[in-house]
Protein backbone atom coordinates (compact mmCIF):
# COMPACT_ATOMS: atom_id res chain seq x y z
CA THR A 1 0.04 -0.03 -0.05
CA PRO A 2 1.23 3.59 -0.61
CA HIS A 3 2.75 5.42 2.32
CA ARG A 4 2.36 9.25 2.68
CA ASN A 5 6.00 9.95 3.08
CA HIS A 6 6.88 11.17 -0.40
CA TYR A 7 10.66 11.47 0.50
CA TRP A 8 11.33 7.74 0.10
CA ASN A 9 13.10 7.23 -3.19
CA GLU A 10 13.06 4.45 -5.74
CA LYS A 11 15.76 2.39 -4.02
CA GLN A 12 13.57 2.17 -0.97
CA CYS A 13 10.12 1.67 -2.66
CA ASN A 14 8.88 -0.03 -5.80
CA VAL A 15 6.04 2.08 -7.31
CA LYS A 16 3.46 1.57 -9.99
CA TRP A 17 2.20 4.64 -11.80
CA GLU A 18 -0.67 4.72 -14.42
CA ALA A 19 -1.83 7.94 -16.09
CA GLY A 20 0.30 10.13 -13.56
CA LYS A 21 -1.31 8.55 -10.55
CA LEU A 22 0.38 6.38 -7.94
CA LEU A 23 -1.42 2.91 -7.94
CA TRP A 24 0.71 1.18 -5.28
CA CYS A 25 3.96 1.41 -3.56
CA LYS A 26 5.74 -1.56 -1.93
CA LEU A 27 8.43 -0.55 0.68
CA GLN A 28 11.75 -2.30 0.46
CA SER A 29 13.20 -0.76 3.59
CA PRO A 30 12.06 2.35 5.57
CA PRO A 31 14.43 5.36 5.59
CA PRO A 32 16.52 5.83 8.74
CA HIS A 33 14.59 8.79 9.95
CA PHE A 34 11.34 6.65 10.01
CA LEU A 35 12.99 4.15 12.21
CA ARG A 36 13.73 6.95 14.74
CA MET A 37 10.11 7.90 15.17
CA ALA A 38 9.64 7.32 18.73
CA SER A 39 6.33 7.04 20.66
CA SER A 40 7.98 8.78 23.59
CA GLY A 41 6.90 12.22 22.54
CA VAL A 42 10.25 13.42 21.38
CA ARG A 43 10.12 14.66 17.75
CA SER A 44 13.32 13.68 16.01
CA ALA A 45 15.23 16.00 13.75
CA ALA A 46 13.82 13.99 10.87
CA HIS A 47 14.94 16.23 7.96
CA ALA A 48 18.55 16.83 9.37
CA GLY A 49 21.08 15.76 6.77
CA ARG A 50 18.60 16.31 3.97
CA TRP A 51 17.13 19.83 4.18
CA TYR A 52 20.00 21.06 6.34
CA THR A 53 23.24 19.61 7.84
CA ASP A 54 23.08 17.21 10.79
CA SER A 55 26.38 18.42 12.02
CA ALA A 56 25.95 20.63 15.17
CA ARG A 57 29.12 22.61 14.41
CA GLU A 58 28.34 23.18 10.75
CA LEU A 59 24.72 24.11 11.40
CA SER A 60 25.93 26.52 14.16
CA ASP A 61 28.41 28.18 11.88
CA THR A 62 25.81 28.40 9.10
CA LEU A 63 23.23 30.06 11.33
CA LYS A 64 25.66 32.46 12.82
CA GLY A 65 26.71 33.52 9.38
CA TYR A 66 23.11 34.28 8.35
CA LEU A 67 22.44 36.22 11.54
CA SER A 68 25.60 38.31 11.33
CA ALA A 69 25.26 38.87 7.45
CA ASN A 70 22.06 40.89 8.24
CA SER A 71 23.26 42.99 11.11
CA GLY A 72 22.39 46.18 9.07
CA ILE A 73 18.97 45.22 8.51
CA SER A 74 18.45 43.97 12.11
CA SER A 75 20.02 46.96 13.69
CA ALA A 76 16.94 49.00 12.80
CA TYR A 77 15.12 46.89 15.32
CA GLU A 78 17.66 47.58 18.12
CA GLY A 79 16.01 48.79 21.17
CA LYS A 80 12.39 48.09 19.78
CA ASN A 81 9.82 45.68 20.99
CA VAL A 82 9.64 43.04 18.16
CA CYS A 83 6.79 40.58 19.03
CA ALA A 84 6.39 38.63 15.92
CA ILE A 85 8.33 37.75 12.75
CA ILE A 86 7.11 36.18 9.35
CA GLY A 87 9.76 34.18 7.48
CA PRO A 88 9.91 31.75 4.55
CA HIS A 89 10.21 28.05 5.21
CA ALA A 90 12.31 26.90 2.22
CA GLY A 91 15.78 25.27 2.81
CA TYR A 92 18.48 27.44 4.09
CA SER A 93 20.26 27.60 0.72
CA TYR A 94 17.11 29.32 -0.71
CA CYS A 95 16.20 31.66 2.02
CA GLY A 96 18.90 31.64 4.76
CA GLU A 97 19.62 35.16 4.44
CA VAL A 98 16.06 36.36 4.75
CA LEU A 99 15.49 34.11 7.85
CA GLY A 100 18.75 35.49 9.22
CA ALA A 101 17.48 38.97 8.97
CA ALA A 102 14.07 38.06 10.57
CA TYR A 103 15.58 36.16 13.43
CA ALA A 104 18.36 38.77 13.93
CA SER A 105 15.71 41.39 14.54
CA LEU A 106 14.40 39.21 17.53
CA ILE A 107 17.99 39.21 18.97
CA LYS A 108 18.28 42.99 18.70
CA SER A 109 14.79 43.46 20.23
CA THR A 110 14.31 44.44 23.87
CA THR A 111 11.65 41.78 24.23
CA ASN A 112 12.25 38.84 26.62
CA TYR A 113 10.61 35.74 25.29
CA ASP A 114 9.32 33.07 27.65
CA VAL A 115 7.34 31.15 25.00
CA ILE A 116 7.70 31.10 21.25
CA PHE A 117 4.95 30.17 18.93
CA MET A 118 5.93 28.64 15.50
CA LEU A 119 3.22 28.38 12.94
CA GLY A 120 3.68 26.71 9.59
CA PRO A 121 1.70 25.09 6.77
CA SER A 122 1.02 21.45 6.49
CA HIS A 123 2.42 19.81 3.35
CA HIS A 124 1.28 16.26 4.03
CA VAL A 125 -2.03 16.25 6.05
CA ALA A 126 -5.15 18.18 5.30
CA LEU A 127 -6.26 19.89 8.48
CA ASP A 128 -9.56 21.50 9.30
CA GLY A 129 -8.01 24.13 11.43
CA CYS A 130 -4.75 23.97 13.16
CA GLY A 131 -2.65 21.08 14.22
CA VAL A 132 -0.88 21.05 17.58
CA SER A 133 2.21 19.00 18.09
CA VAL A 134 1.88 16.09 20.64
CA SER A 135 5.74 16.28 21.08
CA THR A 136 7.20 17.02 24.55
CA GLU A 137 10.50 17.95 23.04
CA LEU A 138 11.82 18.87 19.63
CA GLU A 139 15.23 17.18 18.81
CA THR A 140 17.73 19.36 16.76
CA PRO A 141 21.41 18.90 15.98
CA LEU A 142 21.99 21.78 18.31
CA GLY A 143 20.09 20.29 21.34
CA SER A 144 16.45 19.64 22.33
CA LEU A 145 13.75 22.29 22.79
CA LYS A 146 11.10 21.80 25.27
CA VAL A 147 7.43 22.15 24.15
CA ALA A 148 5.18 24.19 26.47
CA GLN A 149 2.74 21.30 27.20
CA SER A 150 0.33 23.46 29.26
CA ILE A 151 -0.18 25.81 26.31
CA CYS A 152 -0.86 22.96 23.92
CA VAL A 153 -3.42 21.42 26.34
CA ASP A 154 -5.17 24.85 26.39
CA LEU A 155 -5.14 25.20 22.65
CA LEU A 156 -6.55 21.73 22.15
CA LYS A 157 -9.60 22.67 24.18
CA LYS A 158 -10.52 24.96 21.30
CA PRO A 159 -12.57 23.40 18.38
CA ILE A 160 -10.18 24.98 15.68
CA PHE A 161 -7.17 22.99 17.20
CA SER A 162 -6.50 19.23 16.72
CA ARG A 163 -3.69 16.78 17.61
CA PHE A 164 -0.91 16.53 15.07
CA SER A 165 0.53 13.00 15.53
CA LEU A 166 4.11 12.43 16.03
CA GLU A 167 4.51 10.64 12.68
CA ASP A 168 2.77 13.55 10.74
CA ASP A 169 4.90 16.06 12.72
CA GLU A 170 8.06 14.24 11.69
CA GLU A 171 7.02 14.05 8.08
CA GLU A 172 6.43 17.78 7.96
CA HIS A 173 9.46 19.82 7.26
CA CYS A 174 8.28 23.47 7.23
CA LEU A 175 9.35 24.42 10.87
CA GLU A 176 12.30 22.14 11.35
């Protein structure tokens, strides 16, 4: 049967196409990130090594470069109260400089952040409203981030919010 993860390549999956439609897909071996999908509530860095480097040192250097390259733009926000940014979600090679400018404005801001909300589109799952991660932590090559569970519980009490499974969360790349 077909699997929703479209990142599997032809070496991992035999596929049958007809008239541009996928008829069936037989898995030969799951990709390594699928094997790491834990039921513990820790969202793995499932796209590390594909959309961005999985090396902590390389990633840190890359991000520092994007942040410092935009010091002229972000200095306009120095001493100001920045409460939100909107940035693209493409890979760093496509939009790293733009993201660097956006995040650098937060660093230059006078605001102290206790909680950060990250919102992004869903590329794999149709949602009627907004999905809320069930993860307790988000794993990254630079370390793990805690998820504010009490806020997630409060959001899920509202009808517009629904649980976003760990599997669906790890398939999604927009915020990672």
